[in-house]
C-alpha atoms as a PDB file:
ATOM      1  CA  UNK A   1     -15.077  19.864 -18.904  1.00  0.00           C
ATOM      2  CA  UNK A   2     -15.302  20.625 -15.200  1.00  0.00           C
ATOM      3  CA  UNK A   3     -19.005  21.199 -15.427  1.00  0.00           C
ATOM      4  CA  UNK A   4     -19.250  17.772 -16.989  1.00  0.00           C
ATOM      5  CA  UNK A   5     -17.097  16.031 -14.212  1.00  0.00           C
ATOM      6  CA  UNK A   6     -19.136  17.928 -11.364  1.00  0.00           C
ATOM      7  CA  UNK A   7     -22.436  16.473 -12.959  1.00  0.00           C
ATOM      8  CA  UNK A   8     -21.306  12.992 -13.075  1.00  0.00           C
ATOM      9  CA  UNK A   9     -20.387  13.228  -9.132  1.00  0.00           C
ATOM     10  CA  UNK A  10     -23.477  15.007  -8.400  1.00  0.00           C
ATOM     11  CA  UNK A  11     -25.683  12.591 -10.284  1.00  0.00           C
ATOM     12  CA  UNK A  12     -26.131   9.199  -8.444  1.00  0.00           C
ATOM     13  CA  UNK A  13     -27.650   7.729 -11.445  1.00  0.00           C
ATOM     14  CA  UNK A  14     -24.939   8.719 -13.671  1.00  0.00           C
ATOM     15  CA  UNK A  15     -22.238   7.631 -11.213  1.00  0.00           C
ATOM     16  CA  UNK A  16     -24.171   4.049 -10.957  1.00  0.00           C
ATOM     17  CA  UNK A  17     -24.389   3.646 -14.652  1.00  0.00           C
ATOM     18  CA  UNK A  18     -20.353   4.257 -15.184  1.00  0.00           C
ATOM     19  CA  UNK A  19     -19.416   2.004 -12.138  1.00  0.00           C
ATOM     20  CA  UNK A  20     -21.723  -0.678 -13.457  1.00  0.00           C
ATOM     21  CA  UNK A  21     -20.557  -0.385 -16.847  1.00  0.00           C
ATOM     22  CA  UNK A  22     -16.907  -0.553 -15.757  1.00  0.00           C
ATOM     23  CA  UNK A  23     -17.663  -4.180 -14.651  1.00  0.00           C
ATOM     24  CA  UNK A  24     -18.830  -4.841 -18.134  1.00  0.00           C
ATOM     25  CA  UNK A  25     -21.310  -4.300 -21.062  1.00  0.00           C
ATOM     26  CA  UNK A  26     -25.079  -4.010 -19.845  1.00  0.00           C
ATOM     27  CA  UNK A  27     -28.588  -3.794 -21.437  1.00  0.00           C
ATOM     28  CA  UNK A  28     -31.041  -1.357 -20.510  1.00  0.00           C
ATOM     29  CA  UNK A  29     -32.856  -4.218 -18.426  1.00  0.00           C
ATOM     30  CA  UNK A  30     -29.738  -4.859 -16.558  1.00  0.00           C
ATOM     31  CA  UNK A  31     -29.189  -1.096 -15.830  1.00  0.00           C
ATOM     32  CA  UNK A  32     -32.895  -0.884 -14.624  1.00  0.00           C
ATOM     33  CA  UNK A  33     -32.472  -3.728 -12.187  1.00  0.00           C
ATOM     34  CA  UNK A  34     -28.882  -2.246 -10.911  1.00  0.00           C
ATOM     35  CA  UNK A  35     -29.882   1.175 -10.397  1.00  0.00           C
ATOM     36  CA  UNK A  36     -33.509   0.565  -9.151  1.00  0.00           C
ATOM     37  CA  UNK A  37     -34.442   3.453 -11.813  1.00  0.00           C
ATOM     38  CA  UNK A  38     -36.916   3.456 -14.768  1.00  0.00           C
ATOM     39  CA  UNK A  39     -36.140   3.566 -18.088  1.00  0.00           C
ATOM     40  CA  UNK A  40     -37.489   7.110 -18.467  1.00  0.00           C
ATOM     41  CA  UNK A  41     -34.694   8.243 -15.764  1.00  0.00           C
ATOM     42  CA  UNK A  42     -31.933   6.091 -17.246  1.00  0.00           C
ATOM     43  CA  UNK A  43     -32.382   6.924 -21.060  1.00  0.00           C
ATOM     44  CA  UNK A  44     -31.533  10.687 -20.675  1.00  0.00           C
ATOM     45  CA  UNK A  45     -28.443   9.773 -18.650  1.00  0.00           C
ATOM     46  CA  UNK A  46     -27.032   7.244 -21.261  1.00  0.00           C
ATOM     47  CA  UNK A  47     -27.905   9.869 -23.940  1.00  0.00           C
ATOM     48  CA  UNK A  48     -25.751  12.478 -22.208  1.00  0.00           C
ATOM     49  CA  UNK A  49     -22.693   9.985 -21.677  1.00  0.00           C
ATOM     50  CA  UNK A  50     -22.868   9.061 -25.442  1.00  0.00           C
ATOM     51  CA  UNK A  51     -22.625  12.766 -26.049  1.00  0.00           C
ATOM     52  CA  UNK A  52     -19.544  12.994 -23.955  1.00  0.00           C
ATOM     53  CA  UNK A  53     -18.266   9.892 -25.595  1.00  0.00           C
ATOM     54  CA  UNK A  54     -18.032   7.850 -22.669  1.00  0.00           C
ATOM     55  CA  UNK A  55     -20.210   4.968 -23.612  1.00  0.00           C
ATOM     56  CA  UNK A  56     -21.454   3.733 -26.939  1.00  0.00           C
ATOM     57  CA  UNK A  57     -24.127   1.254 -27.966  1.00  0.00           C
ATOM     58  CA  UNK A  58     -23.898  -1.932 -30.132  1.00  0.00           C
ATOM     59  CA  UNK A  59     -26.572  -4.629 -30.261  1.00  0.00           C
ATOM     60  CA  UNK A  60     -28.782  -3.043 -27.418  1.00  0.00           C
ATOM     61  CA  UNK A  61     -25.865  -3.315 -25.122  1.00  0.00           C
ATOM     62  CA  UNK A  62     -24.063  -0.388 -23.587  1.00  0.00           C
ATOM     63  CA  UNK A  63     -20.239   0.048 -23.260  1.00  0.00           C
ATOM     64  CA  UNK A  64     -17.883   2.133 -21.990  1.00  0.00           C
ATOM     65  CA  UNK A  65     -15.650   3.926 -24.683  1.00  0.00           C
ATOM     66  CA  UNK A  66     -11.566   4.171 -23.818  1.00  0.00           C
ATOM     67  CA  UNK A  67     -12.363   7.767 -22.440  1.00  0.00           C
ATOM     68  CA  UNK A  68     -15.197   6.091 -20.370  1.00  0.00           C
ATOM     69  CA  UNK A  69     -13.206   3.225 -18.882  1.00  0.00           C
ATOM     70  CA  UNK A  70     -10.820   6.069 -17.569  1.00  0.00           C
ATOM     71  CA  UNK A  71     -13.366   8.082 -15.890  1.00  0.00           C
ATOM     72  CA  UNK A  72     -15.123   4.966 -14.549  1.00  0.00           C
ATOM     73  CA  UNK A  73     -11.993   3.762 -13.156  1.00  0.00           C
ATOM     74  CA  UNK A  74     -11.204   7.148 -11.527  1.00  0.00           C
ATOM     75  CA  UNK A  75     -14.613   7.448 -10.272  1.00  0.00           C
ATOM     76  CA  UNK A  76     -14.233   3.767  -8.768  1.00  0.00           C
ATOM     77  CA  UNK A  77     -10.739   4.461  -7.309  1.00  0.00           C
ATOM     78  CA  UNK A  78     -12.133   7.819  -5.695  1.00  0.00           C
ATOM     79  CA  UNK A  79     -15.250   6.300  -3.712  1.00  0.00           C
ATOM     80  CA  UNK A  80     -13.219   3.445  -2.649  1.00  0.00           C
ATOM     81  CA  UNK A  81     -10.525   5.486  -1.044  1.00  0.00           C
ATOM     82  CA  UNK A  82     -13.506   7.414   0.555  1.00  0.00           C
ATOM     83  CA  UNK A  83     -14.578   4.381   1.952  1.00  0.00           C
ATOM     84  CA  UNK A  84     -11.620   3.284   3.372  1.00  0.00           C
ATOM     85  CA  UNK A  85     -10.727   6.219   4.897  1.00  0.00           C
ATOM     86  CA  UNK A  86     -14.378   6.417   6.774  1.00  0.00           C
ATOM     87  CA  UNK A  87     -14.188   2.634   7.364  1.00  0.00           C
ATOM     88  CA  UNK A  88     -10.852   3.099   9.326  1.00  0.00           C
ATOM     89  CA  UNK A  89     -11.183   6.515  10.478  1.00  0.00           C
ATOM     90  CA  UNK A  90     -10.245   6.040  13.942  1.00  0.00           C
ATOM     91  CA  UNK A  91      -7.212   4.226  12.910  1.00  0.00           C
ATOM     92  CA  UNK A  92      -5.795   7.075  10.425  1.00  0.00           C
ATOM     93  CA  UNK A  93      -6.343   9.460  13.013  1.00  0.00           C
ATOM     94  CA  UNK A  94      -4.021   7.679  15.361  1.00  0.00           C
ATOM     95  CA  UNK A  95      -1.421   7.238  12.797  1.00  0.00           C
ATOM     96  CA  UNK A  96       1.256   9.330  11.113  1.00  0.00           C
ATOM     97  CA  UNK A  97       0.110   9.095   7.456  1.00  0.00           C
ATOM     98  CA  UNK A  98       2.561  11.771   6.505  1.00  0.00           C
ATOM     99  CA  UNK A  99       5.359   8.971   6.817  1.00  0.00           C
ATOM    100  CA  UNK A 100       3.833   7.055   4.082  1.00  0.00           C
ATOM    101  CA  UNK A 101       4.936   7.374   0.680  1.00  0.00           C
ATOM    102  CA  UNK A 102       2.681   9.086  -1.863  1.00  0.00           C
ATOM    103  CA  UNK A 103       2.180   6.346  -4.394  1.00  0.00           C
ATOM    104  CA  UNK A 104       1.061   4.250  -1.641  1.00  0.00           C
ATOM    105  CA  UNK A 105      -1.308   7.131  -0.061  1.00  0.00           C
ATOM    106  CA  UNK A 106      -2.896   6.945  -3.746  1.00  0.00           C
ATOM    107  CA  UNK A 107      -3.582   3.153  -3.530  1.00  0.00           C
ATOM    108  CA  UNK A 108      -5.188   3.420   0.028  1.00  0.00           C
ATOM    109  CA  UNK A 109      -8.297   1.663  -1.247  1.00  0.00           C
ATOM    110  CA  UNK A 110      -6.796  -1.387  -1.897  1.00  0.00           C
ATOM    111  CA  UNK A 111      -7.168  -1.573   2.263  1.00  0.00           C
ATOM    112  CA  UNK A 112     -10.911  -1.760   1.956  1.00  0.00           C
ATOM    113  CA  UNK A 113     -11.660  -5.390   2.093  1.00  0.00           C
ATOM    114  CA  UNK A 114      -9.111  -5.675   5.106  1.00  0.00           C
ATOM    115  CA  UNK A 115      -9.254  -5.640   8.867  1.00  0.00           C
ATOM    116  CA  UNK A 116      -7.782  -3.877  11.827  1.00  0.00           C
ATOM    117  CA  UNK A 117      -6.050  -6.198  14.369  1.00  0.00           C
ATOM    118  CA  UNK A 118      -4.995  -4.369  17.301  1.00  0.00           C
ATOM    119  CA  UNK A 119      -3.352  -5.775  20.725  1.00  0.00           C
ATOM    120  CA  UNK A 120      -5.588  -5.395  23.745  1.00  0.00           C
ATOM    121  CA  UNK A 121      -2.478  -5.119  25.944  1.00  0.00           C
ATOM    122  CA  UNK A 122      -0.723  -1.683  26.367  1.00  0.00           C
ATOM    123  CA  UNK A 123       2.961  -3.099  26.946  1.00  0.00           C
ATOM    124  CA  UNK A 124       5.544  -2.422  24.181  1.00  0.00           C
ATOM    125  CA  UNK A 125       6.715  -5.923  24.788  1.00  0.00           C
ATOM    126  CA  UNK A 126       3.409  -7.102  23.017  1.00  0.00           C
ATOM    127  CA  UNK A 127       4.191  -4.922  19.941  1.00  0.00           C
ATOM    128  CA  UNK A 128       7.711  -6.244  19.525  1.00  0.00           C
ATOM    129  CA  UNK A 129       6.693  -9.867  20.089  1.00  0.00           C
ATOM    130  CA  UNK A 130       4.276  -9.713  17.159  1.00  0.00           C
ATOM    131  CA  UNK A 131       6.460  -7.879  14.913  1.00  0.00           C
ATOM    132  CA  UNK A 132       8.952 -10.792  15.524  1.00  0.00           C
ATOM    133  CA  UNK A 133       6.274 -13.308  14.972  1.00  0.00           C
ATOM    134  CA  UNK A 134       4.803 -11.440  11.799  1.00  0.00           C
ATOM    135  CA  UNK A 135       8.770 -11.680  10.319  1.00  0.00           C
ATOM    136  CA  UNK A 136       8.798 -15.389  11.157  1.00  0.00           C
ATOM    137  CA  UNK A 137       5.607 -16.274   9.503  1.00  0.00           C
ATOM    138  CA  UNK A 138       6.634 -14.219   6.211  1.00  0.00           C
ATOM    139  CA  UNK A 139       7.499 -15.150   2.838  1.00  0.00           C
ATOM    140  CA  UNK A 140       8.293 -11.988   1.903  1.00  0.00           C
ATOM    141  CA  UNK A 141       9.612  -9.020   3.762  1.00  0.00           C
ATOM    142  CA  UNK A 142       9.767  -5.302   3.050  1.00  0.00           C
ATOM    143  CA  UNK A 143      10.289  -2.732   5.930  1.00  0.00           C
ATOM    144  CA  UNK A 144      11.177   0.786   6.688  1.00  0.00           C
ATOM    145  CA  UNK A 145      12.424   1.405  10.279  1.00  0.00           C
ATOM    146  CA  UNK A 146      13.521   3.979  12.270  1.00  0.00           C
ATOM    147  CA  UNK A 147      15.068   2.041  15.003  1.00  0.00           C
ATOM    148  CA  UNK A 148      17.033  -0.931  15.390  1.00  0.00           C
ATOM    149  CA  UNK A 149      17.273  -3.766  18.218  1.00  0.00           C
ATOM    150  CA  UNK A 150      19.203  -6.946  18.494  1.00  0.00           C
ATOM    151  CA  UNK A 151      16.269  -9.048  18.334  1.00  0.00           C
ATOM    152  CA  UNK A 152      15.170  -7.650  15.415  1.00  0.00           C
ATOM    153  CA  UNK A 153      18.414  -8.001  13.733  1.00  0.00           C
ATOM    154  CA  UNK A 154      18.602 -11.646  14.740  1.00  0.00           C
ATOM    155  CA  UNK A 155      15.094 -12.222  13.521  1.00  0.00           C
ATOM    156  CA  UNK A 156      15.978 -10.464   9.994  1.00  0.00           C
ATOM    157  CA  UNK A 157      19.192 -12.555   9.850  1.00  0.00           C
ATOM    158  CA  UNK A 158      17.582 -15.943  10.346  1.00  0.00           C
ATOM    159  CA  UNK A 159      14.869 -15.152   7.736  1.00  0.00           C
ATOM    160  CA  UNK A 160      17.677 -13.959   5.416  1.00  0.00           C
ATOM    161  CA  UNK A 161      19.638 -17.467   5.853  1.00  0.00           C
ATOM    162  CA  UNK A 162      16.496 -19.329   5.201  1.00  0.00           C
ATOM    163  CA  UNK A 163      16.197 -17.741   1.780  1.00  0.00           C
ATOM    164  CA  UNK A 164      13.278 -15.272   2.395  1.00  0.00           C
ATOM    165  CA  UNK A 165      13.810 -12.111  -0.027  1.00  0.00           C
ATOM    166  CA  UNK A 166      14.117  -9.084   2.493  1.00  0.00           C
ATOM    167  CA  UNK A 167      14.603  -5.435   1.584  1.00  0.00           C
ATOM    168  CA  UNK A 168      14.797  -2.914   4.194  1.00  0.00           C
ATOM    169  CA  UNK A 169      15.142   1.240   4.275  1.00  0.00           C
ATOM    170  CA  UNK A 170      16.751   3.071   7.229  1.00  0.00           C
ATOM    171  CA  UNK A 171      17.711   6.571   8.028  1.00  0.00           C
ATOM    172  CA  UNK A 172      21.567   7.493   8.202  1.00  0.00           C
ATOM    173  CA  UNK A 173      21.701   7.413  11.712  1.00  0.00           C
ATOM    174  CA  UNK A 174      20.537   3.983  12.058  1.00  0.00           C
ATOM    175  CA  UNK A 175      22.994   3.049   9.240  1.00  0.00           C
ATOM    176  CA  UNK A 176      25.551   4.491  11.644  1.00  0.00           C
ATOM    177  CA  UNK A 177      24.553   2.266  14.366  1.00  0.00           C
ATOM    178  CA  UNK A 178      24.933  -0.868  12.127  1.00  0.00           C
ATOM    179  CA  UNK A 179      28.472   0.015  12.057  1.00  0.00           C
ATOM    180  CA  UNK A 180      28.758  -1.145  15.694  1.00  0.00           C
ATOM    181  CA  UNK A 181      28.738  -4.171  17.463  1.00  0.00           C
ATOM    182  CA  UNK A 182      26.947  -6.371  17.418  1.00  0.00           C
ATOM    183  CA  UNK A 183      25.026  -5.450  14.406  1.00  0.00           C
ATOM    184  CA  UNK A 184      28.545  -4.977  12.210  1.00  0.00           C
ATOM    185  CA  UNK A 185      28.964  -8.741  12.710  1.00  0.00           C
ATOM    186  CA  UNK A 186      25.813  -9.983  11.941  1.00  0.00           C
ATOM    187  CA  UNK A 187      25.683  -7.881   8.653  1.00  0.00           C
ATOM    188  CA  UNK A 188      29.023  -9.356   7.743  1.00  0.00           C
ATOM    189  CA  UNK A 189      27.602 -12.786   7.969  1.00  0.00           C
ATOM    190  CA  UNK A 190      24.756 -11.824   5.407  1.00  0.00           C
ATOM    191  CA  UNK A 191      27.185 -10.416   2.858  1.00  0.00           C
ATOM    192  CA  UNK A 192      26.820 -13.567   0.338  1.00  0.00           C
ATOM    193  CA  UNK A 193      23.010 -13.663   0.384  1.00  0.00           C
ATOM    194  CA  UNK A 194      21.355 -11.987  -2.798  1.00  0.00           C
ATOM    195  CA  UNK A 195      17.983 -12.012  -1.223  1.00  0.00           C
ATOM    196  CA  UNK A 196      18.902  -9.383   1.173  1.00  0.00           C
ATOM    197  CA  UNK A 197      19.105  -5.651   0.491  1.00  0.00           C
ATOM    198  CA  UNK A 198      19.740  -2.915   2.863  1.00  0.00           C
ATOM    199  CA  UNK A 199      19.210   0.763   1.948  1.00  0.00           C
ATOM    200  CA  UNK A 200      19.821   4.108   3.529  1.00  0.00           C
ATOM    201  CA  UNK A 201      18.124   7.706   3.340  1.00  0.00           C
ATOM    202  CA  UNK A 202      19.421  10.919   4.471  1.00  0.00           C
ATOM    203  CA  UNK A 203      15.697  11.810   5.665  1.00  0.00           C
ATOM    204  CA  UNK A 204      14.858  11.510   9.117  1.00  0.00           C
ATOM    205  CA  UNK A 205      12.092   8.646   8.918  1.00  0.00           C
ATOM    206  CA  UNK A 206       9.386   9.185  11.491  1.00  0.00           C
ATOM    207  CA  UNK A 207       7.318   6.098  10.697  1.00  0.00           C
ATOM    208  CA  UNK A 208       8.064   2.126  11.141  1.00  0.00           C
ATOM    209  CA  UNK A 209       6.287   0.028   8.157  1.00  0.00           C
ATOM    210  CA  UNK A 210       6.596  -3.406   7.677  1.00  0.00           C
ATOM    211  CA  UNK A 211       4.860  -5.074   4.742  1.00  0.00           C
ATOM    212  CA  UNK A 212       4.896  -8.941   4.226  1.00  0.00           C
ATOM    213  CA  UNK A 213       3.121 -11.093   1.757  1.00  0.00           C
ATOM    214  CA  UNK A 214       0.579 -11.582   4.782  1.00  0.00           C
ATOM    215  CA  UNK A 215       0.341  -8.226   6.707  1.00  0.00           C
ATOM    216  CA  UNK A 216       1.438  -4.919   7.039  1.00  0.00           C
ATOM    217  CA  UNK A 217       2.579  -3.593  10.480  1.00  0.00           C
ATOM    218  CA  UNK A 218       1.930   0.170  10.906  1.00  0.00           C
ATOM    219  CA  UNK A 219       2.336   0.949  14.840  1.00  0.00           C
ATOM    220  CA  UNK A 220       0.438   4.018  16.035  1.00  0.00           C
ATOM    221  CA  UNK A 221       2.217   7.031  17.038  1.00  0.00           C
ATOM    222  CA  UNK A 222       0.006   7.672  20.129  1.00  0.00           C
ATOM    223  CA  UNK A 223       0.350   4.557  22.220  1.00  0.00           C
ATOM    224  CA  UNK A 224       2.478   1.574  22.075  1.00  0.00           C
ATOM    225  CA  UNK A 225       0.303  -1.280  20.291  1.00  0.00           C
ATOM    226  CA  UNK A 226       0.728  -3.378  16.950  1.00  0.00           C
ATOM    227  CA  UNK A 227      -1.564  -2.675  14.102  1.00  0.00           C
ATOM    228  CA  UNK A 228      -2.121  -4.548  11.111  1.00  0.00           C
ATOM    229  CA  UNK A 229      -4.254  -4.618   7.920  1.00  0.00           C
ATOM    230  CA  UNK A 230      -4.015  -8.178   6.755  1.00  0.00           C
ATOM    231  CA  UNK A 231      -5.511  -9.427   3.562  1.00  0.00           C
ATOM    232  CA  UNK A 232      -3.527 -11.349   0.989  1.00  0.00           C
ATOM    233  CA  UNK A 233      -5.530  -9.915  -2.156  1.00  0.00           C
ATOM    234  CA  UNK A 234      -4.271  -6.471  -1.759  1.00  0.00           C
ATOM    235  CA  UNK A 235      -1.236  -7.015   0.320  1.00  0.00           C
ATOM    236  CA  UNK A 236       0.509  -8.085  -2.662  1.00  0.00           C
ATOM    237  CA  UNK A 237      -0.167  -4.766  -4.709  1.00  0.00           C
ATOM    238  CA  UNK A 238       1.266  -2.921  -1.928  1.00  0.00           C
ATOM    239  CA  UNK A 239       4.275  -5.138  -1.321  1.00  0.00           C
ATOM    240  CA  UNK A 240       4.867  -4.583  -5.012  1.00  0.00           C
ATOM    241  CA  UNK A 241       4.420  -0.830  -5.036  1.00  0.00           C
ATOM    242  CA  UNK A 242       6.760  -0.583  -1.822  1.00  0.00           C
ATOM    243  CA  UNK A 243       9.355  -2.627  -3.707  1.00  0.00           C
ATOM    244  CA  UNK A 244       8.949  -0.147  -6.624  1.00  0.00           C
ATOM    245  CA  UNK A 245       9.765   2.696  -4.474  1.00  0.00           C
ATOM    246  CA  UNK A 246      12.699   1.005  -2.751  1.00  0.00           C
ATOM    247  CA  UNK A 247      14.221   0.623  -6.238  1.00  0.00           C
ATOM    248  CA  UNK A 248      13.221   3.464  -8.008  1.00  0.00           C
ATOM    249  CA  UNK A 249      13.117   6.558  -5.641  1.00  0.00           C
ATOM    250  CA  UNK A 250      16.820   7.597  -5.519  1.00  0.00           C
ATOM    251  CA  UNK A 251      17.864   5.699  -2.292  1.00  0.00           C
ATOM    252  CA  UNK A 252      21.285   4.553  -2.095  1.00  0.00           C
ATOM    253  CA  UNK A 253      21.825   1.035  -1.506  1.00  0.00           C
ATOM    254  CA  UNK A 254      24.240   0.421   1.553  1.00  0.00           C
ATOM    255  CA  UNK A 255      27.301  -1.518   0.466  1.00  0.00           C
ATOM    256  CA  UNK A 256      29.425  -3.487   3.058  1.00  0.00           C
ATOM    257  CA  UNK A 257      32.826  -2.982   2.725  1.00  0.00           C
ATOM    258  CA  UNK A 258      33.961  -6.148   4.895  1.00  0.00           C
ATOM    259  CA  UNK A 259      37.606  -5.691   4.621  1.00  0.00           C
ATOM    260  CA  UNK A 260      37.422  -2.735   7.053  1.00  0.00           C
ATOM    261  CA  UNK A 261      33.878  -3.701   8.338  1.00  0.00           C
ATOM    262  CA  UNK A 262      32.208  -0.502   7.492  1.00  0.00           C
ATOM    263  CA  UNK A 263      29.128   0.821   5.729  1.00  0.00           C
ATOM    264  CA  UNK A 264      29.403   3.265   3.053  1.00  0.00           C
ATOM    265  CA  UNK A 265      26.741   4.726   0.776  1.00  0.00           C
ATOM    266  CA  UNK A 266      27.014   4.236  -3.239  1.00  0.00           C
ATOM    267  CA  UNK A 267      26.631   7.151  -4.865  1.00  0.00           C
ATOM    268  CA  UNK A 268      23.884   7.670  -7.228  1.00  0.00           C
END
């Protein structure tokens, strides 16, 4: 099995055949046009794939089998992941990838068609203002934050009151700050809004991440600029994935006890 897998990755033609069939059935003439190879070169590869039960033929057309679809999808994902890492290699080198949940890293190929937008200015205020603008324009907001500011809290509070769905994760030390003024009053004002969820985790969070329906903000760890990868077609997938992590990763939702204005963790 290992030899078969290696043979596929070593052969450009085998890979091209599988990837093209992953988009739909093809005739031999179509495979010739797509790969730029002759029938004499393609036919032995097709026979090998048939012998491995990855493709089948019907009325002179080639189809992927169920197993073939799995293999072809895996190849497609691995290539897209490589292309994405290579396309944005300078971006990844300046960011703390270890802070991104592993399920999201596995889907990093979704970012290939996006673009990196960076502030030219070096002032931290540029980052801050752009993040506030990003929150103001969003229709959905998911976030992981290791710090809290009054301006950030005001922006979140305003969007919650406008009915925007917002889910945030903070480390426990930030939850402690939220028990103090002015944050505890701001949170108390949101107690009846079902579109707002705030969760706490015990682990130290080294990365800040904001995901909206339009953009992803992932500040650099080496200098204070805002970086976003923006494309609605993929951001929805990452938004949903982050939402899944929020709801299923064992995080404890913060419960506001308003009669004593404190924050406690709900037991798992």
